[in-house]
């Protein structure tokens, strides 16, 4: 029997980077070309067909053993962890064929690998295919070309084993400590009655082999995937066809760990394939799988404030509640409040104990001295945060080309612990014709201009602002009234609102300031988090 795959060997053969992200069809095809160049006769690449939008779906065949194994990944286009793992697996088999695990797998198995089943979904980073169908709910009707390709592959190959590879929500937890469920496993059932077949028992032994290999580095982080019989899904259909099928879900991981999530899943998969290859599954205990705790119902938050007294800015009486905050994956500087109330059944990647503290919305303020070319320093940001200000608004002179250009750049360049936005003014001394004013104003509006000061004497600028529904701001009004026009809906603690919050000690003043879901100010000092973003009209 093979020992588990040595952890340190992973870094010698890997193709993937640390914490790799999105993986597209073009990237997969490029990696396959790179691997083929290592050993042209070592693997066969065959196009199985095309996606809805005509992208190729390829199968890699490698090994000459008697046990057929089918593996597929990214049938959900935004779930790419195992695509990287499969490419690393091919790297092991081609670059290090004399490695004990590689030698055993190549001799004992014939692997048929579909590294990316849903290339259209991968292109748009979507779970669904171009028809907006979840391929893994199309096992019965087969209305997707991708689903037909997978079913055809199963019928043609009739594999002994199948691995259905996915990502689950990274906030999924397991156990009473609510640790991240880094690996979740499921032996898909064949019916709703709990019938257990011989191939299901074999799949449980595969799962047990995988668990044994990764347990030293993932104690308390392995779960049984929280799902019952799903008759529309391919795992159930393939299990029922007689192939021992195991679903593997990659989940969340701890940032301070010395190994990566891809490494964990690679070691588990290679060790499981090794057990299949040398016919060692009989030594694996299927009860290991049966004893796995199911994933928890409640997911982990990115940041959880426990038990603070909320003054929510909506005119309600103060009340005690937990506040759960999650970052948006595609927009890391955005962090809406995900839930409020009793959230004691879960935890957060970061937990702030709020008992005895008052939680208030962050303040907004206008500083007429700030412009796109004269941003506040970190020291000034610290002073503003100490006053409870989490969003600042300055003024951009639209007659100044340099200021307009800088405003356009700020969305990608801003590195401050505080949010920043701008209103426009046309009171500069530079004389511009109407076409130049229009161009500057339109470019500033596209960059997110929050409003236009009415002290500007230019009727053309006002007209364009009205066309694009940019607020016209009367500077004789109180700043609080102007801010309500500029940033409507800000300054509230409710689900969906931005997590810009203050935690205040009733007698000692501000303790913490949270901007964009991150603690940026703690007991009078900046924490080093620079998560401020450029405030844009309609995007806050």
Protein backbone atom coordinates (compact mmCIF):
# COMPACT_ATOMS: atom_id res chain seq x y z
CA UNK A 1 0.00 0.00 0.00
CA UNK A 2 1.28 3.48 -0.84
CA UNK A 3 1.91 5.93 1.94
CA UNK A 4 0.11 9.31 1.61
CA UNK A 5 1.65 11.66 -0.93
CA UNK A 6 4.53 13.62 0.69
CA UNK A 7 3.45 17.19 1.32
CA UNK A 8 6.72 18.81 0.31
CA UNK A 9 6.77 17.06 -3.07
CA UNK A 10 3.84 19.20 -4.22
CA UNK A 11 5.89 22.35 -4.67
CA UNK A 12 8.40 20.54 -6.88
CA UNK A 13 5.86 19.68 -9.58
CA UNK A 14 3.09 22.26 -9.33
CA UNK A 15 1.96 24.51 -12.15
CA UNK A 16 -0.53 26.56 -10.13
CA UNK A 17 0.41 29.69 -8.22
CA UNK A 18 -0.30 30.23 -4.53
CA UNK A 19 -4.01 30.86 -4.16
CA UNK A 20 -4.73 30.85 -7.91
CA UNK A 21 -7.93 32.52 -8.95
CA UNK A 22 -10.01 32.35 -12.07
CA UNK A 23 -9.10 29.78 -14.73
CA UNK A 24 -10.28 30.32 -18.30
CA UNK A 25 -10.49 28.00 -21.30
CA UNK A 26 -7.52 29.74 -22.95
CA UNK A 27 -5.41 29.26 -19.81
CA UNK A 28 -6.28 25.57 -19.61
CA UNK A 29 -5.45 24.98 -23.28
CA UNK A 30 -2.16 26.84 -22.85
CA UNK A 31 -1.25 24.67 -19.83
CA UNK A 32 -2.12 21.51 -21.76
CA UNK A 33 0.16 22.63 -24.60
CA UNK A 34 2.92 23.29 -22.06
CA UNK A 35 2.46 19.85 -20.51
CA UNK A 36 2.36 18.13 -23.89
CA UNK A 37 5.71 19.67 -24.73
CA UNK A 38 7.26 17.94 -21.70
CA UNK A 39 6.36 14.47 -22.96
CA UNK A 40 4.49 14.50 -26.30
CA UNK A 41 3.66 10.79 -26.10
CA UNK A 42 2.76 10.86 -22.42
CA UNK A 43 -0.84 11.97 -22.73
CA UNK A 44 -3.55 12.25 -25.35
CA UNK A 45 -5.72 15.37 -25.67
CA UNK A 46 -9.00 15.00 -27.48
CA UNK A 47 -11.70 17.59 -28.18
CA UNK A 48 -15.00 16.13 -27.01
CA UNK A 49 -17.15 18.88 -28.45
CA UNK A 50 -17.97 22.54 -28.14
CA UNK A 51 -19.80 24.68 -25.62
CA UNK A 52 -22.87 26.77 -26.43
CA UNK A 53 -20.61 29.61 -27.58
CA UNK A 54 -18.28 27.32 -29.49
CA UNK A 55 -15.40 26.95 -27.04
CA UNK A 56 -13.61 23.58 -27.10
CA UNK A 57 -14.16 21.07 -24.28
CA UNK A 58 -11.14 18.77 -24.06
CA UNK A 59 -10.43 15.43 -22.43
CA UNK A 60 -6.94 14.36 -21.40
CA UNK A 61 -6.20 10.63 -21.24
CA UNK A 62 -3.14 9.43 -19.36
CA UNK A 63 -2.06 6.09 -17.89
CA UNK A 64 -2.49 2.53 -19.11
CA UNK A 65 -3.86 0.76 -16.05
CA UNK A 66 -6.89 -1.52 -15.80
CA UNK A 67 -8.96 0.77 -13.56
CA UNK A 68 -10.78 3.51 -15.40
CA UNK A 69 -11.18 6.83 -13.61
CA UNK A 70 -13.14 9.84 -14.93
CA UNK A 71 -12.47 13.25 -13.36
CA UNK A 72 -14.13 16.52 -14.33
CA UNK A 73 -13.89 20.04 -12.95
CA UNK A 74 -15.46 23.46 -13.40
CA UNK A 75 -18.88 22.30 -14.56
CA UNK A 76 -19.70 25.44 -12.61
CA UNK A 77 -17.64 28.08 -14.40
CA UNK A 78 -16.68 30.04 -11.29
CA UNK A 79 -15.32 27.00 -9.40
CA UNK A 80 -11.73 26.62 -10.54
CA UNK A 81 -9.73 25.21 -7.61
CA UNK A 82 -9.77 21.63 -8.90
CA UNK A 83 -8.96 22.72 -12.45
CA UNK A 84 -5.62 23.89 -11.06
CA UNK A 85 -5.33 20.67 -9.05
CA UNK A 86 -5.92 18.53 -12.15
CA UNK A 87 -3.27 20.44 -14.09
CA UNK A 88 -0.87 19.90 -11.18
CA UNK A 89 -1.76 16.20 -11.25
CA UNK A 90 -0.84 16.03 -14.93
CA UNK A 91 2.38 17.86 -14.15
CA UNK A 92 3.27 15.17 -11.59
CA UNK A 93 2.52 12.32 -13.97
CA UNK A 94 4.45 13.84 -16.89
CA UNK A 95 7.38 15.54 -15.14
CA UNK A 96 7.99 12.93 -12.43
CA UNK A 97 6.80 9.60 -13.83
CA UNK A 98 9.23 7.74 -11.49
CA UNK A 99 7.67 9.28 -8.37
CA UNK A 100 6.13 6.35 -6.43
CA UNK A 101 2.61 7.78 -6.69
CA UNK A 102 2.99 8.74 -10.34
CA UNK A 103 4.37 5.30 -11.21
CA UNK A 104 1.54 3.55 -9.36
CA UNK A 105 -1.21 5.71 -10.89
CA UNK A 106 0.14 5.39 -14.43
CA UNK A 107 0.44 1.61 -14.07
CA UNK A 108 -2.82 1.00 -12.22
CA UNK A 109 -5.24 3.53 -13.74
CA UNK A 110 -6.32 5.01 -17.00
CA UNK A 111 -7.32 8.58 -16.16
CA UNK A 112 -9.79 10.47 -18.34
CA UNK A 113 -9.73 14.12 -17.28
CA UNK A 114 -12.05 16.95 -18.35
CA UNK A 115 -10.30 19.92 -16.69
CA UNK A 116 -12.93 22.50 -17.69
CA UNK A 117 -16.44 21.35 -18.59
CA UNK A 118 -18.08 24.80 -18.67
CA UNK A 119 -15.76 27.16 -20.61
CA UNK A 120 -18.52 29.70 -21.29
CA UNK A 121 -19.27 29.99 -17.58
CA UNK A 122 -15.55 30.28 -16.86
CA UNK A 123 -15.29 33.15 -19.35
CA UNK A 124 -17.97 35.16 -17.54
CA UNK A 125 -17.08 33.76 -14.08
CA UNK A 126 -20.56 32.37 -13.71
CA UNK A 127 -21.88 29.15 -12.18
CA UNK A 128 -24.17 28.67 -15.18
CA UNK A 129 -23.44 28.05 -18.84
CA UNK A 130 -24.23 30.47 -21.69
CA UNK A 131 -27.86 29.27 -21.69
CA UNK A 132 -27.98 30.34 -18.02
CA UNK A 133 -28.52 26.69 -17.05
CA UNK A 134 -26.81 24.97 -14.13
CA UNK A 135 -25.16 22.04 -15.93
CA UNK A 136 -25.24 19.98 -12.73
CA UNK A 137 -29.03 20.17 -12.73
CA UNK A 138 -29.31 18.95 -16.33
CA UNK A 139 -28.61 15.23 -15.88
CA UNK A 140 -32.18 14.22 -16.82
CA UNK A 141 -33.18 16.55 -19.66
CA UNK A 142 -29.69 17.11 -21.18
CA UNK A 143 -30.52 20.48 -22.70
CA UNK A 144 -26.91 21.69 -22.41
CA UNK A 145 -24.20 20.56 -24.84
CA UNK A 146 -21.83 20.38 -21.87
CA UNK A 147 -24.16 17.99 -20.06
CA UNK A 148 -24.49 15.84 -23.16
CA UNK A 149 -20.70 15.70 -23.47
CA UNK A 150 -20.34 14.51 -19.87
CA UNK A 151 -23.07 11.88 -20.19
CA UNK A 152 -21.61 10.68 -23.49
CA UNK A 153 -18.18 10.34 -21.87
CA UNK A 154 -19.61 8.21 -19.05
CA UNK A 155 -21.45 5.96 -21.48
CA UNK A 156 -18.42 5.56 -23.75
CA UNK A 157 -15.84 5.00 -21.01
CA UNK A 158 -17.91 3.17 -18.39
CA UNK A 159 -15.35 4.14 -15.74
CA UNK A 160 -14.87 2.25 -12.49
CA UNK A 161 -14.55 5.48 -10.51
CA UNK A 162 -15.63 9.10 -11.01
CA UNK A 163 -14.58 12.30 -9.27
CA UNK A 164 -17.02 15.24 -9.47
CA UNK A 165 -14.92 18.28 -8.50
CA UNK A 166 -16.36 21.57 -7.24
CA UNK A 167 -15.95 24.64 -5.02
CA UNK A 168 -18.49 25.37 -2.32
CA UNK A 169 -19.10 28.67 -0.58
CA UNK A 170 -15.81 29.52 1.15
CA UNK A 171 -17.77 30.61 4.24
CA UNK A 172 -19.15 27.08 4.83
CA UNK A 173 -18.21 25.79 8.29
CA UNK A 174 -18.05 22.49 10.12
CA UNK A 175 -18.27 21.44 13.76
CA UNK A 176 -19.05 23.32 16.96
CA UNK A 177 -16.04 25.60 16.50
CA UNK A 178 -17.32 26.65 13.06
CA UNK A 179 -13.99 26.01 11.37
CA UNK A 180 -13.87 26.51 7.59
CA UNK A 181 -14.96 23.39 5.72
CA UNK A 182 -11.82 23.15 3.57
CA UNK A 183 -12.93 19.80 2.14
CA UNK A 184 -16.49 18.53 1.90
CA UNK A 185 -17.19 15.07 0.52
CA UNK A 186 -20.35 13.44 -0.73
CA UNK A 187 -21.03 9.92 -1.93
CA UNK A 188 -24.10 10.77 -4.03
CA UNK A 189 -27.10 8.58 -3.10
CA UNK A 190 -28.96 6.58 -5.72
CA UNK A 191 -32.42 7.24 -4.27
CA UNK A 192 -34.23 9.06 -1.49
CA UNK A 193 -34.60 5.88 0.60
CA UNK A 194 -30.98 5.63 1.70
CA UNK A 195 -30.24 2.51 -0.33
CA UNK A 196 -26.53 1.70 -0.29
CA UNK A 197 -25.03 -0.04 -3.32
CA UNK A 198 -21.69 -1.79 -3.75
CA UNK A 199 -20.27 1.09 -5.76
CA UNK A 200 -21.39 3.54 -3.07
CA UNK A 201 -19.40 1.54 -0.53
CA UNK A 202 -16.39 1.65 -2.84
CA UNK A 203 -16.82 5.42 -3.15
CA UNK A 204 -16.89 5.67 0.66
CA UNK A 205 -13.57 3.84 0.79
CA UNK A 206 -12.14 6.31 -1.72
CA UNK A 207 -13.36 9.15 0.51
CA UNK A 208 -11.78 7.50 3.54
CA UNK A 209 -8.42 7.19 1.75
CA UNK A 210 -8.56 10.88 0.89
CA UNK A 211 -9.43 11.83 4.48
CA UNK A 212 -6.56 9.79 5.88
CA UNK A 213 -4.08 11.59 3.65
CA UNK A 214 -5.15 15.14 4.46
CA UNK A 215 -6.24 14.80 8.10
CA UNK A 216 -2.87 15.90 9.56
CA UNK A 217 -3.26 19.34 7.98
CA UNK A 218 -7.03 19.79 8.17
CA UNK A 219 -8.19 18.62 11.58
CA UNK A 220 -11.75 19.73 12.14
CA UNK A 221 -12.00 21.08 8.59
CA UNK A 222 -13.44 18.07 6.71
CA UNK A 223 -17.19 17.64 6.42
CA UNK A 224 -19.83 15.63 4.65
CA UNK A 225 -21.41 17.89 2.06
CA UNK A 226 -24.81 19.08 3.24
CA UNK A 227 -27.02 17.60 0.53
CA UNK A 228 -29.46 14.74 0.13
CA UNK A 229 -30.71 12.94 -2.98
CA UNK A 230 -30.78 15.34 -5.95
CA UNK A 231 -32.23 13.45 -8.93
CA UNK A 232 -31.31 16.21 -11.43
CA UNK A 233 -27.60 16.04 -10.62
CA UNK A 234 -24.89 14.16 -12.49
CA UNK A 235 -23.32 12.68 -9.36
CA UNK A 236 -26.51 10.76 -8.57
CA UNK A 237 -26.99 9.73 -12.21
CA UNK A 238 -23.43 8.44 -12.60
CA UNK A 239 -23.57 6.67 -9.23
CA UNK A 240 -26.76 4.94 -10.32
CA UNK A 241 -25.10 3.84 -13.57
CA UNK A 242 -22.67 1.65 -11.61
CA UNK A 243 -19.63 3.95 -11.34
CA UNK A 244 -18.32 4.56 -7.83
CA UNK A 245 -18.70 8.36 -7.66
CA UNK A 246 -17.32 10.85 -5.16
CA UNK A 247 -18.09 14.58 -5.07
CA UNK A 248 -15.33 16.76 -3.64
CA UNK A 249 -15.95 20.40 -2.69
CA UNK A 250 -13.11 22.83 -1.99
CA UNK A 251 -14.12 25.38 0.62
CA UNK A 252 -12.49 28.02 2.81
CA UNK A 253 -8.99 27.99 4.20
CA UNK A 254 -7.06 29.70 6.98
CA UNK A 255 -4.89 32.54 5.72
CA UNK A 256 -2.02 31.84 8.09
CA UNK A 257 -1.59 28.19 7.16
CA UNK A 258 1.75 27.10 5.68
CA UNK A 259 0.09 25.11 2.89
CA UNK A 260 -2.49 26.17 0.32
CA UNK A 261 -5.99 24.90 -0.35
CA UNK A 262 -4.81 23.58 -3.73
CA UNK A 263 -2.02 21.64 -2.02
CA UNK A 264 -4.49 20.09 0.42
CA UNK A 265 -6.79 18.93 -2.36
CA UNK A 266 -3.90 17.79 -4.55
CA UNK A 267 -2.48 15.56 -1.80
CA UNK A 268 -5.92 14.15 -1.06
CA UNK A 269 -6.72 13.42 -4.70
CA UNK A 270 -3.33 11.89 -5.54
CA UNK A 271 -3.47 9.71 -2.43
CA UNK A 272 -6.99 8.52 -3.29
CA UNK A 273 -5.94 7.75 -6.87
CA UNK A 274 -2.94 5.87 -5.50
CA UNK A 275 -5.20 3.72 -3.34
CA UNK A 276 -7.34 2.94 -6.39
CA UNK A 277 -4.27 2.20 -8.51
CA UNK A 278 -2.73 -0.36 -6.15
CA UNK A 279 -6.09 -1.90 -5.25
CA UNK A 280 -5.76 -0.86 -1.60
CA UNK A 281 -9.31 0.36 -1.06
CA UNK A 282 -10.13 -2.80 0.87
CA UNK A 283 -7.90 -1.50 3.65
CA UNK A 284 -9.82 1.79 3.91
CA UNK A 285 -12.58 2.02 6.48
CA UNK A 286 -15.85 3.26 4.90
CA UNK A 287 -17.08 4.29 8.35
CA UNK A 288 -14.58 7.16 8.26
CA UNK A 289 -16.82 8.78 5.65
CA UNK A 290 -20.02 7.93 7.56
CA UNK A 291 -18.63 9.55 10.71
CA UNK A 292 -17.86 12.87 9.00
CA UNK A 293 -19.97 15.71 10.43
CA UNK A 294 -22.25 17.38 7.94
CA UNK A 295 -21.45 20.94 6.98
CA UNK A 296 -23.08 23.47 9.27
CA UNK A 297 -26.29 25.13 8.19
CA UNK A 298 -25.00 28.63 9.01
CA UNK A 299 -22.03 30.08 7.16
CA UNK A 300 -19.09 31.97 8.53
CA UNK A 301 -18.93 35.76 8.11
CA UNK A 302 -15.81 37.63 7.07
CA UNK A 303 -16.26 39.92 10.07
CA UNK A 304 -18.65 39.43 12.97
CA UNK A 305 -19.43 42.04 15.62
CA UNK A 306 -20.93 40.32 18.64
CA UNK A 307 -23.42 41.86 21.04
CA UNK A 308 -23.02 45.59 20.39
CA UNK A 309 -25.74 48.13 21.11
CA UNK A 310 -26.86 49.40 17.71
CA UNK A 311 -27.87 53.00 17.06
CA UNK A 312 -28.80 52.23 13.47
CA UNK A 313 -29.44 55.72 12.07
CA UNK A 314 -33.04 54.86 11.18
CA UNK A 315 -34.62 56.62 14.16
CA UNK A 316 -35.23 53.41 16.12
CA UNK A 317 -34.55 52.82 19.78
CA UNK A 318 -31.10 51.28 20.42
CA UNK A 319 -31.04 47.48 20.52
CA UNK A 320 -28.45 44.76 21.06
CA UNK A 321 -27.52 42.65 18.03
CA UNK A 322 -24.72 40.85 16.26
CA UNK A 323 -23.63 42.28 12.90
CA UNK A 324 -22.36 39.92 10.17
CA UNK A 325 -20.31 41.43 7.32
CA UNK A 326 -19.14 39.79 4.09
CA UNK A 327 -16.90 41.13 1.35
CA UNK A 328 -18.04 40.90 -2.24
CA UNK A 329 -15.66 38.51 -4.06
CA UNK A 330 -15.57 40.53 -7.28
CA UNK A 331 -15.20 43.87 -5.44
CA UNK A 332 -12.90 43.38 -2.43
CA UNK A 333 -13.32 47.01 -1.31
CA UNK A 334 -17.07 46.51 -0.93
CA UNK A 335 -18.42 44.86 2.22
CA UNK A 336 -22.18 45.03 2.81
CA UNK A 337 -23.82 44.08 6.07
CA UNK A 338 -25.06 40.54 5.43
CA UNK A 339 -27.17 39.96 8.54
CA UNK A 340 -28.22 41.39 11.89
CA UNK A 341 -29.62 39.88 15.08
CA UNK A 342 -28.76 36.67 16.92
CA UNK A 343 -25.85 35.23 14.94
CA UNK A 344 -24.49 33.10 17.79
CA UNK A 345 -24.78 29.87 15.76
CA UNK A 346 -21.83 30.89 13.60
CA UNK A 347 -18.65 32.94 13.78
CA UNK A 348 -16.46 35.15 11.63
CA UNK A 349 -12.99 34.99 10.14
CA UNK A 350 -12.49 37.98 12.41
CA UNK A 351 -14.64 38.53 15.50
CA UNK A 352 -15.03 41.85 17.33
CA UNK A 353 -16.53 41.59 20.81
CA UNK A 354 -19.00 44.45 21.01
CA UNK A 355 -20.53 43.91 24.44
CA UNK A 356 -20.70 47.24 26.24
CA UNK A 357 -19.94 49.17 23.03
CA UNK A 358 -22.24 51.34 20.94
CA UNK A 359 -22.22 50.64 17.21
CA UNK A 360 -23.02 53.63 15.02
CA UNK A 361 -22.80 54.34 11.29
CA UNK A 362 -19.62 56.04 10.16
CA UNK A 363 -19.88 59.77 9.55
CA UNK A 364 -19.57 61.59 6.20
CA UNK A 365 -18.00 65.03 5.83
CA UNK A 366 -17.10 67.61 3.19
CA UNK A 367 -13.66 69.21 3.12
CA UNK A 368 -13.40 71.94 0.49
CA UNK A 369 -9.59 71.76 0.64
CA UNK A 370 -9.40 68.22 -0.75
CA UNK A 371 -9.14 67.78 -4.50
CA UNK A 372 -7.97 64.89 -6.72
CA UNK A 373 -4.42 66.24 -6.72
CA UNK A 374 -4.35 67.04 -3.01
CA UNK A 375 -5.51 63.97 -1.11
CA UNK A 376 -5.43 63.68 2.67
CA UNK A 377 -2.27 62.18 4.18
CA UNK A 378 -2.40 59.11 6.40
CA UNK A 379 -1.98 61.39 9.40
CA UNK A 380 -4.98 63.46 8.30
CA UNK A 381 -6.97 60.28 7.71
CA UNK A 382 -6.18 59.22 11.26
CA UNK A 383 -7.47 62.56 12.52
CA UNK A 384 -10.67 62.23 10.49
CA UNK A 385 -11.25 58.66 11.68
CA UNK A 386 -10.69 59.75 15.28
CA UNK A 387 -13.64 62.09 14.72
CA UNK A 388 -15.72 59.19 13.37
CA UNK A 389 -15.51 60.22 9.71
CA UNK A 390 -15.31 57.21 7.37
CA UNK A 391 -16.22 59.00 4.10
CA UNK A 392 -14.78 62.31 2.93
CA UNK A 393 -16.00 64.44 0.02
CA UNK A 394 -13.71 66.92 -1.75
CA UNK A 395 -14.04 69.21 -4.76
CA UNK A 396 -12.71 68.58 -8.28
CA UNK A 397 -12.14 71.67 -10.44
CA UNK A 398 -13.50 70.62 -13.84
CA UNK A 399 -11.60 73.42 -15.58
CA UNK A 400 -8.32 71.83 -14.44
CA UNK A 401 -7.29 69.09 -16.86
CA UNK A 402 -4.83 67.59 -14.37
CA UNK A 403 -7.51 67.26 -11.70
CA UNK A 404 -9.93 65.59 -14.11
CA UNK A 405 -7.25 63.12 -15.23
CA UNK A 406 -6.35 62.34 -11.64
CA UNK A 407 -9.99 61.80 -10.71
CA UNK A 408 -10.32 59.22 -13.48
CA UNK A 409 -7.23 57.37 -12.20
CA UNK A 410 -8.22 57.32 -8.54
CA UNK A 411 -10.57 54.32 -8.70
CA UNK A 412 -7.60 52.02 -9.27
CA UNK A 413 -4.93 54.03 -7.43
CA UNK A 414 -6.64 55.06 -4.20
CA UNK A 415 -4.80 53.66 -1.17
CA UNK A 416 -6.27 55.26 1.93
CA UNK A 417 -8.02 53.89 5.02
CA UNK A 418 -11.00 56.16 4.36
CA UNK A 419 -13.53 56.49 1.53
CA UNK A 420 -13.19 59.51 -0.75
CA UNK A 421 -15.57 61.11 -3.22
CA UNK A 422 -15.76 64.35 -5.20
CA UNK A 423 -18.23 66.96 -6.31
CA UNK A 424 -17.43 69.15 -9.29
CA UNK A 425 -16.90 72.86 -9.65
CA UNK A 426 -16.40 75.02 -12.75
CA UNK A 427 -15.24 78.13 -10.95
CA UNK A 428 -11.59 77.84 -11.95
CA UNK A 429 -9.90 80.69 -13.80
CA UNK A 430 -9.20 78.72 -16.95
CA UNK A 431 -11.48 79.76 -19.80
CA UNK A 432 -12.85 76.71 -21.62
CA UNK A 433 -15.24 76.54 -24.53
CA UNK A 434 -18.46 74.55 -24.27
CA UNK A 435 -17.01 71.45 -25.94
CA UNK A 436 -14.13 71.31 -23.45
CA UNK A 437 -16.46 71.78 -20.48
CA UNK A 438 -18.71 69.04 -21.81
CA UNK A 439 -15.78 66.64 -22.24
CA UNK A 440 -14.41 67.30 -18.75
CA UNK A 441 -17.82 67.00 -17.12
CA UNK A 442 -18.75 63.81 -18.94
CA UNK A 443 -15.43 62.19 -18.08
CA UNK A 444 -15.86 63.19 -14.42
CA UNK A 445 -19.41 61.84 -14.39
CA UNK A 446 -18.13 58.55 -15.82
CA UNK A 447 -15.56 58.46 -13.01
CA UNK A 448 -18.36 58.78 -10.44
CA UNK A 449 -18.75 62.52 -9.80
CA UNK A 450 -21.17 62.88 -6.88
CA UNK A 451 -22.62 66.30 -7.73
CA UNK A 452 -22.00 69.73 -9.26
CA UNK A 453 -21.80 72.94 -7.23
CA UNK A 454 -24.34 75.49 -8.41
CA UNK A 455 -21.98 78.39 -7.71
CA UNK A 456 -20.55 77.56 -11.12
CA UNK A 457 -21.57 80.35 -13.56
CA UNK A 458 -21.67 78.04 -16.56
CA UNK A 459 -25.15 77.25 -17.82
CA UNK A 460 -23.79 74.57 -20.17
CA UNK A 461 -22.30 72.62 -17.25
CA UNK A 462 -25.57 72.79 -15.34
CA UNK A 463 -27.46 71.58 -18.39
CA UNK A 464 -25.23 68.54 -18.83
CA UNK A 465 -25.44 67.73 -15.13
CA UNK A 466 -29.24 67.80 -15.31
CA UNK A 467 -29.22 65.54 -18.37
CA UNK A 468 -27.20 62.92 -16.48
CA UNK A 469 -29.12 63.36 -13.21
CA UNK A 470 -26.09 64.59 -11.30
CA UNK A 471 -27.29 66.58 -8.25
CA UNK A 472 -26.88 70.35 -8.39
CA UNK A 473 -25.62 71.43 -4.98
CA UNK A 474 -26.24 74.78 -3.34
CA UNK A 475 -23.24 75.58 -1.14
CA UNK A 476 -25.32 77.89 1.05
CA UNK A 477 -27.02 74.80 2.49
CA UNK A 478 -25.76 73.04 5.60
CA UNK A 479 -23.11 70.39 4.95
CA UNK A 480 -25.33 67.69 6.44
CA UNK A 481 -28.05 68.52 3.91
CA UNK A 482 -25.57 68.49 1.04
CA UNK A 483 -24.27 65.09 2.13
CA UNK A 484 -27.79 63.68 2.20
CA UNK A 485 -28.15 64.74 -1.45
CA UNK A 486 -24.71 63.50 -2.45
CA UNK A 487 -24.78 60.11 -0.69
CA UNK A 488 -28.39 59.09 -0.22
CA UNK A 489 -28.84 55.99 1.91
CA UNK A 490 -25.46 56.29 3.61
CA UNK A 491 -25.20 56.38 7.38
CA UNK A 492 -27.47 53.41 8.14
CA UNK A 493 -26.96 50.06 9.84
CA UNK A 494 -29.15 47.62 7.96
CA UNK A 495 -28.78 44.61 5.70
CA UNK A 496 -27.19 45.58 2.40
CA UNK A 497 -25.70 48.83 3.73
CA UNK A 498 -21.96 49.36 3.47
CA UNK A 499 -20.10 48.22 6.58
CA UNK A 500 -18.65 51.60 7.56
CA UNK A 501 -19.13 51.49 11.31
CA UNK A 502 -17.94 53.00 14.59
CA UNK A 503 -17.65 51.14 17.90
CA UNK A 504 -17.78 53.62 20.73
CA UNK A 505 -17.17 53.24 24.46
CA UNK A 506 -19.90 55.23 26.24
CA UNK A 507 -17.41 57.03 28.50
CA UNK A 508 -14.09 56.85 26.65
CA UNK A 509 -15.12 57.61 23.07
CA UNK A 510 -14.24 55.89 19.82
CA UNK A 511 -12.52 52.52 20.10
CA UNK A 512 -12.73 51.06 16.58
CA UNK A 513 -13.56 52.35 13.12
CA UNK A 514 -14.54 49.84 10.43
CA UNK A 515 -14.31 50.90 6.79
CA UNK A 516 -15.25 48.55 3.97
CA UNK A 517 -15.67 45.71 6.47
CA UNK A 518 -12.10 46.06 7.81
CA UNK A 519 -10.90 47.48 11.11
CA UNK A 520 -8.86 50.51 9.99
CA UNK A 521 -8.62 52.39 13.30
CA UNK A 522 -8.09 50.81 16.72
CA UNK A 523 -7.73 52.75 19.95
CA UNK A 524 -6.41 55.91 18.37
CA UNK A 525 -4.15 54.40 15.71
CA UNK A 526 -4.37 53.22 12.12
CA UNK A 527 -4.14 49.46 11.67
CA UNK A 528 -2.51 49.62 8.23
CA UNK A 529 -5.60 48.54 6.29
CA UNK A 530 -6.02 50.74 3.19
CA UNK A 531 -9.47 49.73 2.04
CA UNK A 532 -10.96 53.13 1.23
CA UNK A 533 -12.56 53.37 -2.20
CA UNK A 534 -13.56 56.11 -4.57
CA UNK A 535 -17.19 56.90 -3.88
CA UNK A 536 -19.18 56.90 -7.10
CA UNK A 537 -22.73 58.00 -7.67
CA UNK A 538 -25.04 55.03 -7.96
CA UNK A 539 -22.37 52.61 -6.68
CA UNK A 540 -22.51 53.15 -2.97
